[in-house]
């Protein structure tokens, strides 16, 4: 809720967008680590989500890059 209000009430700028993504990542990490009980899994899920948000923001998210991102994070989760 707070991240949405921050983005909605302020003019668009790269600093605000970066701050919103960082705040969302911290909140998601805390919730996932608390619910799942594993900080390693929380880092993996948050890293995947932040990567998808950044690729979408810069217009790089497509079938190929999204699929490759899923494969990369799948391999990272297998190794970790």
PDB file of N, CA and C in Angstrom:
ATOM      1  N   UNK A   1       0.825  -1.190   0.000  1.00  0.00           N
ATOM      2  CA  UNK A   1       0.000   0.000   0.000  1.00  0.00           C
ATOM      3  C   UNK A   1       0.867   1.250   0.000  1.00  0.00           C
ATOM      4  N   UNK A   2       1.904   1.242   0.840  1.00  0.00           N
ATOM      5  CA  UNK A   2       2.773   2.409   0.929  1.00  0.00           C
ATOM      6  C   UNK A   2       3.541   2.664  -0.359  1.00  0.00           C
ATOM      7  N   UNK A   3       3.981   1.586  -1.025  1.00  0.00           N
ATOM      8  CA  UNK A   3       4.713   1.745  -2.281  1.00  0.00           C
ATOM      9  C   UNK A   3       3.793   2.318  -3.353  1.00  0.00           C
ATOM     10  N   UNK A   4       2.557   1.837  -3.399  1.00  0.00           N
ATOM     11  CA  UNK A   4       1.603   2.358  -4.369  1.00  0.00           C
ATOM     12  C   UNK A   4       1.298   3.828  -4.150  1.00  0.00           C
ATOM     13  N   UNK A   5       1.156   4.225  -2.905  1.00  0.00           N
ATOM     14  CA  UNK A   5       0.898   5.633  -2.604  1.00  0.00           C
ATOM     15  C   UNK A   5       2.113   6.492  -2.955  1.00  0.00           C
ATOM     16  N   UNK A   6       3.319   5.968  -2.715  1.00  0.00           N
ATOM     17  CA  UNK A   6       4.533   6.720  -3.027  1.00  0.00           C
ATOM     18  C   UNK A   6       4.626   6.972  -4.540  1.00  0.00           C
ATOM     19  N   UNK A   7       4.317   5.956  -5.325  1.00  0.00           N
ATOM     20  CA  UNK A   7       4.394   6.096  -6.779  1.00  0.00           C
ATOM     21  C   UNK A   7       3.251   6.962  -7.293  1.00  0.00           C
ATOM     22  N   UNK A   8       2.075   6.841  -6.691  1.00  0.00           N
ATOM     23  CA  UNK A   8       0.907   7.560  -7.177  1.00  0.00           C
ATOM     24  C   UNK A   8       0.979   9.045  -6.862  1.00  0.00           C
ATOM     25  N   UNK A   9       1.504   9.419  -5.711  1.00  0.00           N
ATOM     26  CA  UNK A   9       1.484  10.811  -5.269  1.00  0.00           C
ATOM     27  C   UNK A   9       2.687  11.630  -5.738  1.00  0.00           C
ATOM     28  N   UNK A  10       3.731  11.013  -6.234  1.00  0.00           N
ATOM     29  CA  UNK A  10       4.923  11.746  -6.635  1.00  0.00           C
ATOM     30  C   UNK A  10       5.056  11.745  -8.155  1.00  0.00           C
ATOM     31  N   UNK A  11       5.713  12.764  -8.714  1.00  0.00           N
ATOM     32  CA  UNK A  11       5.921  12.780 -10.162  1.00  0.00           C
ATOM     33  C   UNK A  11       6.899  11.672 -10.575  1.00  0.00           C
ATOM     34  N   UNK A  12       6.741  11.135 -11.771  1.00  0.00           N
ATOM     35  CA  UNK A  12       7.620  10.043 -12.193  1.00  0.00           C
ATOM     36  C   UNK A  12       9.061  10.513 -12.378  1.00  0.00           C
ATOM     37  N   UNK A  13       9.967   9.780 -11.797  1.00  0.00           N
ATOM     38  CA  UNK A  13      11.395  10.044 -11.965  1.00  0.00           C
ATOM     39  C   UNK A  13      12.135   8.741 -11.696  1.00  0.00           C
ATOM     40  N   UNK A  14      13.337   8.596 -12.230  1.00  0.00           N
ATOM     41  CA  UNK A  14      14.091   7.370 -11.996  1.00  0.00           C
ATOM     42  C   UNK A  14      14.378   7.118 -10.516  1.00  0.00           C
ATOM     43  N   UNK A  15      14.586   8.174  -9.743  1.00  0.00           N
ATOM     44  CA  UNK A  15      14.872   7.996  -8.318  1.00  0.00           C
ATOM     45  C   UNK A  15      13.659   7.433  -7.585  1.00  0.00           C
ATOM     46  N   UNK A  16      12.486   7.934  -7.889  1.00  0.00           N
ATOM     47  CA  UNK A  16      11.265   7.445  -7.245  1.00  0.00           C
ATOM     48  C   UNK A  16      10.986   5.999  -7.650  1.00  0.00           C
ATOM     49  N   UNK A  17      11.174   5.691  -8.929  1.00  0.00           N
ATOM     50  CA  UNK A  17      10.952   4.317  -9.382  1.00  0.00           C
ATOM     51  C   UNK A  17      11.922   3.357  -8.721  1.00  0.00           C
ATOM     52  N   UNK A  18      13.186   3.756  -8.598  1.00  0.00           N
ATOM     53  CA  UNK A  18      14.183   2.906  -7.938  1.00  0.00           C
ATOM     54  C   UNK A  18      13.847   2.712  -6.471  1.00  0.00           C
ATOM     55  N   UNK A  19      13.424   3.781  -5.819  1.00  0.00           N
ATOM     56  CA  UNK A  19      13.041   3.692  -4.414  1.00  0.00           C
ATOM     57  C   UNK A  19      11.816   2.793  -4.235  1.00  0.00           C
ATOM     58  N   UNK A  20      10.867   2.880  -5.145  1.00  0.00           N
ATOM     59  CA  UNK A  20       9.668   2.037  -5.066  1.00  0.00           C
ATOM     60  C   UNK A  20      10.013   0.567  -5.258  1.00  0.00           C
ATOM     61  N   UNK A  21      10.875   0.255  -6.228  1.00  0.00           N
ATOM     62  CA  UNK A  21      11.267  -1.137  -6.450  1.00  0.00           C
ATOM     63  C   UNK A  21      12.052  -1.665  -5.247  1.00  0.00           C
ATOM     64  N   UNK A  22      12.924  -0.837  -4.672  1.00  0.00           N
ATOM     65  CA  UNK A  22      13.687  -1.260  -3.500  1.00  0.00           C
ATOM     66  C   UNK A  22      12.773  -1.503  -2.300  1.00  0.00           C
ATOM     67  N   UNK A  23      11.802  -0.607  -2.084  1.00  0.00           N
ATOM     68  CA  UNK A  23      10.869  -0.785  -0.972  1.00  0.00           C
ATOM     69  C   UNK A  23      10.012  -2.028  -1.169  1.00  0.00           C
ATOM     70  N   UNK A  24       9.575  -2.266  -2.393  1.00  0.00           N
ATOM     71  CA  UNK A  24       8.794  -3.455  -2.697  1.00  0.00           C
ATOM     72  C   UNK A  24       9.623  -4.720  -2.491  1.00  0.00           C
ATOM     73  N   UNK A  25      10.899  -4.685  -2.880  1.00  0.00           N
ATOM     74  CA  UNK A  25      11.775  -5.840  -2.708  1.00  0.00           C
ATOM     75  C   UNK A  25      11.994  -6.149  -1.231  1.00  0.00           C
ATOM     76  N   UNK A  26      12.220  -5.122  -0.418  1.00  0.00           N
ATOM     77  CA  UNK A  26      12.425  -5.349   1.017  1.00  0.00           C
ATOM     78  C   UNK A  26      11.158  -5.917   1.656  1.00  0.00           C
ATOM     79  N   UNK A  27      10.001  -5.339   1.309  1.00  0.00           N
ATOM     80  CA  UNK A  27       8.744  -5.834   1.872  1.00  0.00           C
ATOM     81  C   UNK A  27       8.470  -7.278   1.445  1.00  0.00           C
ATOM     82  N   UNK A  28       8.701  -7.579   0.171  1.00  0.00           N
ATOM     83  CA  UNK A  28       8.483  -8.944  -0.310  1.00  0.00           C
ATOM     84  C   UNK A  28       9.457  -9.911   0.351  1.00  0.00           C
ATOM     85  N   UNK A  29      10.709  -9.495   0.528  1.00  0.00           N
ATOM     86  CA  UNK A  29      11.683 -10.352   1.194  1.00  0.00           C
ATOM     87  C   UNK A  29      11.245 -10.683   2.618  1.00  0.00           C
ATOM     88  N   UNK A  30      10.813  -9.665   3.352  1.00  0.00           N
ATOM     89  CA  UNK A  30      10.400  -9.892   4.735  1.00  0.00           C
ATOM     90  C   UNK A  30       9.193 -10.817   4.821  1.00  0.00           C
ATOM     91  N   UNK A  31       8.223 -10.623   3.945  1.00  0.00           N
ATOM     92  CA  UNK A  31       7.029 -11.466   3.972  1.00  0.00           C
ATOM     93  C   UNK A  31       7.355 -12.900   3.575  1.00  0.00           C
ATOM     94  N   UNK A  32       8.135 -13.071   2.516  1.00  0.00           N
ATOM     95  CA  UNK A  32       8.459 -14.425   2.044  1.00  0.00           C
ATOM     96  C   UNK A  32       9.338 -15.149   3.061  1.00  0.00           C
ATOM     97  N   UNK A  33      10.298 -14.458   3.637  1.00  0.00           N
ATOM     98  CA  UNK A  33      11.153 -15.091   4.643  1.00  0.00           C
ATOM     99  C   UNK A  33      10.351 -15.467   5.881  1.00  0.00           C
ATOM    100  N   UNK A  34       9.400 -14.641   6.250  1.00  0.00           N
ATOM    101  CA  UNK A  34       8.585 -14.926   7.428  1.00  0.00           C
ATOM    102  C   UNK A  34       7.638 -16.102   7.174  1.00  0.00           C
ATOM    103  N   UNK A  35       6.980 -16.089   6.012  1.00  0.00           N
ATOM    104  CA  UNK A  35       6.031 -17.160   5.713  1.00  0.00           C
ATOM    105  C   UNK A  35       6.727 -18.479   5.389  1.00  0.00           C
ATOM    106  N   UNK A  36       7.803 -18.398   4.624  1.00  0.00           N
ATOM    107  CA  UNK A  36       8.481 -19.611   4.201  1.00  0.00           C
ATOM    108  C   UNK A  36       9.524 -20.121   5.174  1.00  0.00           C
ATOM    109  N   UNK A  37      10.024 -19.237   6.010  1.00  0.00           N
ATOM    110  CA  UNK A  37      11.030 -19.646   6.980  1.00  0.00           C
ATOM    111  C   UNK A  37      12.425 -19.804   6.409  1.00  0.00           C
ATOM    112  N   UNK A  38      12.648 -19.381   5.175  1.00  0.00           N
ATOM    113  CA  UNK A  38      13.951 -19.544   4.545  1.00  0.00           C
ATOM    114  C   UNK A  38      14.363 -18.241   3.865  1.00  0.00           C
ATOM    115  N   UNK A  39      15.458 -17.668   4.335  1.00  0.00           N
ATOM    116  CA  UNK A  39      15.919 -16.426   3.709  1.00  0.00           C
ATOM    117  C   UNK A  39      16.522 -16.700   2.334  1.00  0.00           C
ATOM    118  N   UNK A  40      17.083 -17.887   2.142  1.00  0.00           N
ATOM    119  CA  UNK A  40      17.653 -18.216   0.828  1.00  0.00           C
ATOM    120  C   UNK A  40      16.567 -18.240  -0.239  1.00  0.00           C
ATOM    121  N   UNK A  41      15.450 -18.856   0.073  1.00  0.00           N
ATOM    122  CA  UNK A  41      14.342 -18.913  -0.881  1.00  0.00           C
ATOM    123  C   UNK A  41      13.757 -17.512  -1.109  1.00  0.00           C
ATOM    124  N   UNK A  42      13.706 -16.705  -0.070  1.00  0.00           N
ATOM    125  CA  UNK A  42      13.191 -15.346  -0.205  1.00  0.00           C
ATOM    126  C   UNK A  42      14.081 -14.520  -1.131  1.00  0.00           C
ATOM    127  N   UNK A  43      15.398 -14.668  -1.013  1.00  0.00           N
ATOM    128  CA  UNK A  43      16.324 -13.954  -1.893  1.00  0.00           C
ATOM    129  C   UNK A  43      16.113 -14.382  -3.336  1.00  0.00           C
ATOM    130  N   UNK A  44      15.899 -15.674  -3.556  1.00  0.00           N
ATOM    131  CA  UNK A  44      15.696 -16.168  -4.910  1.00  0.00           C
ATOM    132  C   UNK A  44      14.412 -15.619  -5.521  1.00  0.00           C
ATOM    133  N   UNK A  45      13.338 -15.618  -4.765  1.00  0.00           N
ATOM    134  CA  UNK A  45      12.051 -15.143  -5.289  1.00  0.00           C
ATOM    135  C   UNK A  45      12.085 -13.635  -5.518  1.00  0.00           C
ATOM    136  N   UNK A  46      12.647 -12.892  -4.573  1.00  0.00           N
ATOM    137  CA  UNK A  46      12.710 -11.438  -4.716  1.00  0.00           C
ATOM    138  C   UNK A  46      13.637 -11.047  -5.863  1.00  0.00           C
ATOM    139  N   UNK A  47      14.757 -11.730  -6.015  1.00  0.00           N
ATOM    140  CA  UNK A  47      15.659 -11.452  -7.138  1.00  0.00           C
ATOM    141  C   UNK A  47      14.983 -11.682  -8.475  1.00  0.00           C
ATOM    142  N   UNK A  48      14.210 -12.755  -8.564  1.00  0.00           N
ATOM    143  CA  UNK A  48      13.468 -13.028  -9.790  1.00  0.00           C
ATOM    144  C   UNK A  48      12.448 -11.931 -10.060  1.00  0.00           C
ATOM    145  N   UNK A  49      11.683 -11.556  -9.044  1.00  0.00           N
ATOM    146  CA  UNK A  49      10.649 -10.531  -9.222  1.00  0.00           C
ATOM    147  C   UNK A  49      11.216  -9.169  -9.575  1.00  0.00           C
ATOM    148  N   UNK A  50      12.289  -8.775  -8.910  1.00  0.00           N
ATOM    149  CA  UNK A  50      12.913  -7.483  -9.206  1.00  0.00           C
ATOM    150  C   UNK A  50      13.485  -7.479 -10.620  1.00  0.00           C
ATOM    151  N   UNK A  51      14.079  -8.574 -11.019  1.00  0.00           N
ATOM    152  CA  UNK A  51      14.589  -8.670 -12.386  1.00  0.00           C
ATOM    153  C   UNK A  51      13.487  -8.532 -13.424  1.00  0.00           C
ATOM    154  N   UNK A  52      12.330  -9.147 -13.170  1.00  0.00           N
ATOM    155  CA  UNK A  52      11.207  -9.017 -14.095  1.00  0.00           C
ATOM    156  C   UNK A  52      10.683  -7.582 -14.137  1.00  0.00           C
ATOM    157  N   UNK A  53      10.598  -6.925 -12.972  1.00  0.00           N
ATOM    158  CA  UNK A  53      10.152  -5.534 -12.941  1.00  0.00           C
ATOM    159  C   UNK A  53      11.102  -4.617 -13.701  1.00  0.00           C
ATOM    160  N   UNK A  54      12.393  -4.815 -13.525  1.00  0.00           N
ATOM    161  CA  UNK A  54      13.379  -3.963 -14.207  1.00  0.00           C
ATOM    162  C   UNK A  54      13.343  -4.198 -15.711  1.00  0.00           C
ATOM    163  N   UNK A  55      13.251  -5.466 -16.119  1.00  0.00           N
ATOM    164  CA  UNK A  55      13.174  -5.736 -17.554  1.00  0.00           C
ATOM    165  C   UNK A  55      11.903  -5.140 -18.162  1.00  0.00           C
ATOM    166  N   UNK A  56      10.786  -5.204 -17.431  1.00  0.00           N
ATOM    167  CA  UNK A  56       9.553  -4.615 -17.922  1.00  0.00           C
ATOM    168  C   UNK A  56       9.677  -3.101 -18.026  1.00  0.00           C
ATOM    169  N   UNK A  57      10.314  -2.475 -17.058  1.00  0.00           N
ATOM    170  CA  UNK A  57      10.466  -1.017 -17.048  1.00  0.00           C
ATOM    171  C   UNK A  57      11.268  -0.531 -18.240  1.00  0.00           C
ATOM    172  N   UNK A  58      12.334  -1.247 -18.595  1.00  0.00           N
ATOM    173  CA  UNK A  58      13.192  -0.823 -19.695  1.00  0.00           C
ATOM    174  C   UNK A  58      12.780  -1.412 -21.040  1.00  0.00           C
ATOM    175  N   UNK A  59      11.641  -2.057 -21.091  1.00  0.00           N
ATOM    176  CA  UNK A  59      11.116  -2.572 -22.348  1.00  0.00           C
ATOM    177  C   UNK A  59      11.868  -3.778 -22.887  1.00  0.00           C
ATOM    178  N   UNK A  60      12.550  -4.505 -22.028  1.00  0.00           N
ATOM    179  CA  UNK A  60      13.320  -5.670 -22.469  1.00  0.00           C
ATOM    180  C   UNK A  60      12.579  -6.979 -22.227  1.00  0.00           C
ATOM    181  N   UNK A  61      11.417  -6.916 -21.578  1.00  0.00           N
ATOM    182  CA  UNK A  61      10.702  -8.135 -21.212  1.00  0.00           C
ATOM    183  C   UNK A  61       9.902  -8.643 -22.404  1.00  0.00           C
ATOM    184  N   UNK A  62      10.287  -9.784 -22.883  1.00  0.00           N
ATOM    185  CA  UNK A  62       9.591 -10.441 -23.979  1.00  0.00           C
ATOM    186  C   UNK A  62       9.582 -11.934 -23.704  1.00  0.00           C
ATOM    187  N   UNK A  63       9.128 -12.693 -24.675  1.00  0.00           N
ATOM    188  CA  UNK A  63       9.077 -14.143 -24.483  1.00  0.00           C
ATOM    189  C   UNK A  63      10.471 -14.730 -24.310  1.00  0.00           C
ATOM    190  N   UNK A  64      11.420 -14.241 -25.100  1.00  0.00           N
ATOM    191  CA  UNK A  64      12.769 -14.817 -25.051  1.00  0.00           C
ATOM    192  C   UNK A  64      13.494 -14.405 -23.774  1.00  0.00           C
ATOM    193  N   UNK A  65      13.520 -13.111 -23.470  1.00  0.00           N
ATOM    194  CA  UNK A  65      14.232 -12.675 -22.268  1.00  0.00           C
ATOM    195  C   UNK A  65      13.533 -13.151 -21.000  1.00  0.00           C
ATOM    196  N   UNK A  66      12.208 -13.176 -21.000  1.00  0.00           N
ATOM    197  CA  UNK A  66      11.486 -13.700 -19.838  1.00  0.00           C
ATOM    198  C   UNK A  66      11.767 -15.178 -19.630  1.00  0.00           C
ATOM    199  N   UNK A  67      11.769 -15.942 -20.718  1.00  0.00           N
ATOM    200  CA  UNK A  67      12.092 -17.368 -20.622  1.00  0.00           C
ATOM    201  C   UNK A  67      13.511 -17.621 -20.167  1.00  0.00           C
ATOM    202  N   UNK A  68      14.453 -16.833 -20.700  1.00  0.00           N
ATOM    203  CA  UNK A  68      15.839 -16.978 -20.267  1.00  0.00           C
ATOM    204  C   UNK A  68      16.001 -16.607 -18.797  1.00  0.00           C
ATOM    205  N   UNK A  69      15.256 -15.598 -18.351  1.00  0.00           N
ATOM    206  CA  UNK A  69      15.319 -15.193 -16.940  1.00  0.00           C
ATOM    207  C   UNK A  69      14.799 -16.316 -16.035  1.00  0.00           C
ATOM    208  N   UNK A  70      13.745 -16.999 -16.470  1.00  0.00           N
ATOM    209  CA  UNK A  70      13.216 -18.129 -15.702  1.00  0.00           C
ATOM    210  C   UNK A  70      14.244 -19.252 -15.643  1.00  0.00           C
ATOM    211  N   UNK A  71      14.907 -19.531 -16.761  1.00  0.00           N
ATOM    212  CA  UNK A  71      15.927 -20.580 -16.790  1.00  0.00           C
ATOM    213  C   UNK A  71      17.104 -20.224 -15.887  1.00  0.00           C
ATOM    214  N   UNK A  72      17.570 -18.980 -15.969  1.00  0.00           N
ATOM    215  CA  UNK A  72      18.708 -18.549 -15.139  1.00  0.00           C
ATOM    216  C   UNK A  72      18.374 -18.680 -13.657  1.00  0.00           C
ATOM    217  N   UNK A  73      17.195 -18.186 -13.250  1.00  0.00           N
ATOM    218  CA  UNK A  73      16.841 -18.279 -11.822  1.00  0.00           C
ATOM    219  C   UNK A  73      16.536 -19.696 -11.410  1.00  0.00           C
ATOM    220  N   UNK A  74      16.074 -20.528 -12.330  1.00  0.00           N
ATOM    221  CA  UNK A  74      15.902 -21.943 -12.023  1.00  0.00           C
ATOM    222  C   UNK A  74      17.225 -22.617 -11.748  1.00  0.00           C
ATOM    223  N   UNK A  75      18.234 -22.297 -12.565  1.00  0.00           N
ATOM    224  CA  UNK A  75      19.567 -22.858 -12.326  1.00  0.00           C
ATOM    225  C   UNK A  75      20.167 -22.345 -11.038  1.00  0.00           C
ATOM    226  N   UNK A  76      19.951 -21.072 -10.745  1.00  0.00           N
ATOM    227  CA  UNK A  76      20.466 -20.507  -9.495  1.00  0.00           C
ATOM    228  C   UNK A  76      19.817 -21.198  -8.298  1.00  0.00           C
ATOM    229  N   UNK A  77      18.516 -21.478  -8.389  1.00  0.00           N
ATOM    230  CA  UNK A  77      17.848 -22.139  -7.269  1.00  0.00           C
ATOM    231  C   UNK A  77      18.283 -23.593  -7.134  1.00  0.00           C
ATOM    232  N   UNK A  78      18.642 -24.233  -8.242  1.00  0.00           N
ATOM    233  CA  UNK A  78      19.151 -25.602  -8.152  1.00  0.00           C
ATOM    234  C   UNK A  78      20.544 -25.631  -7.512  1.00  0.00           C
ATOM    235  N   UNK A  79      21.376 -24.679  -7.872  1.00  0.00           N
ATOM    236  CA  UNK A  79      22.718 -24.621  -7.308  1.00  0.00           C
ATOM    237  C   UNK A  79      22.659 -24.249  -5.831  1.00  0.00           C
ATOM    238  N   UNK A  80      21.814 -23.256  -5.498  1.00  0.00           N
ATOM    239  CA  UNK A  80      21.706 -22.790  -4.119  1.00  0.00           C
ATOM    240  C   UNK A  80      20.977 -23.768  -3.299  1.00  0.00           C
TER     241      UNK A  80
END
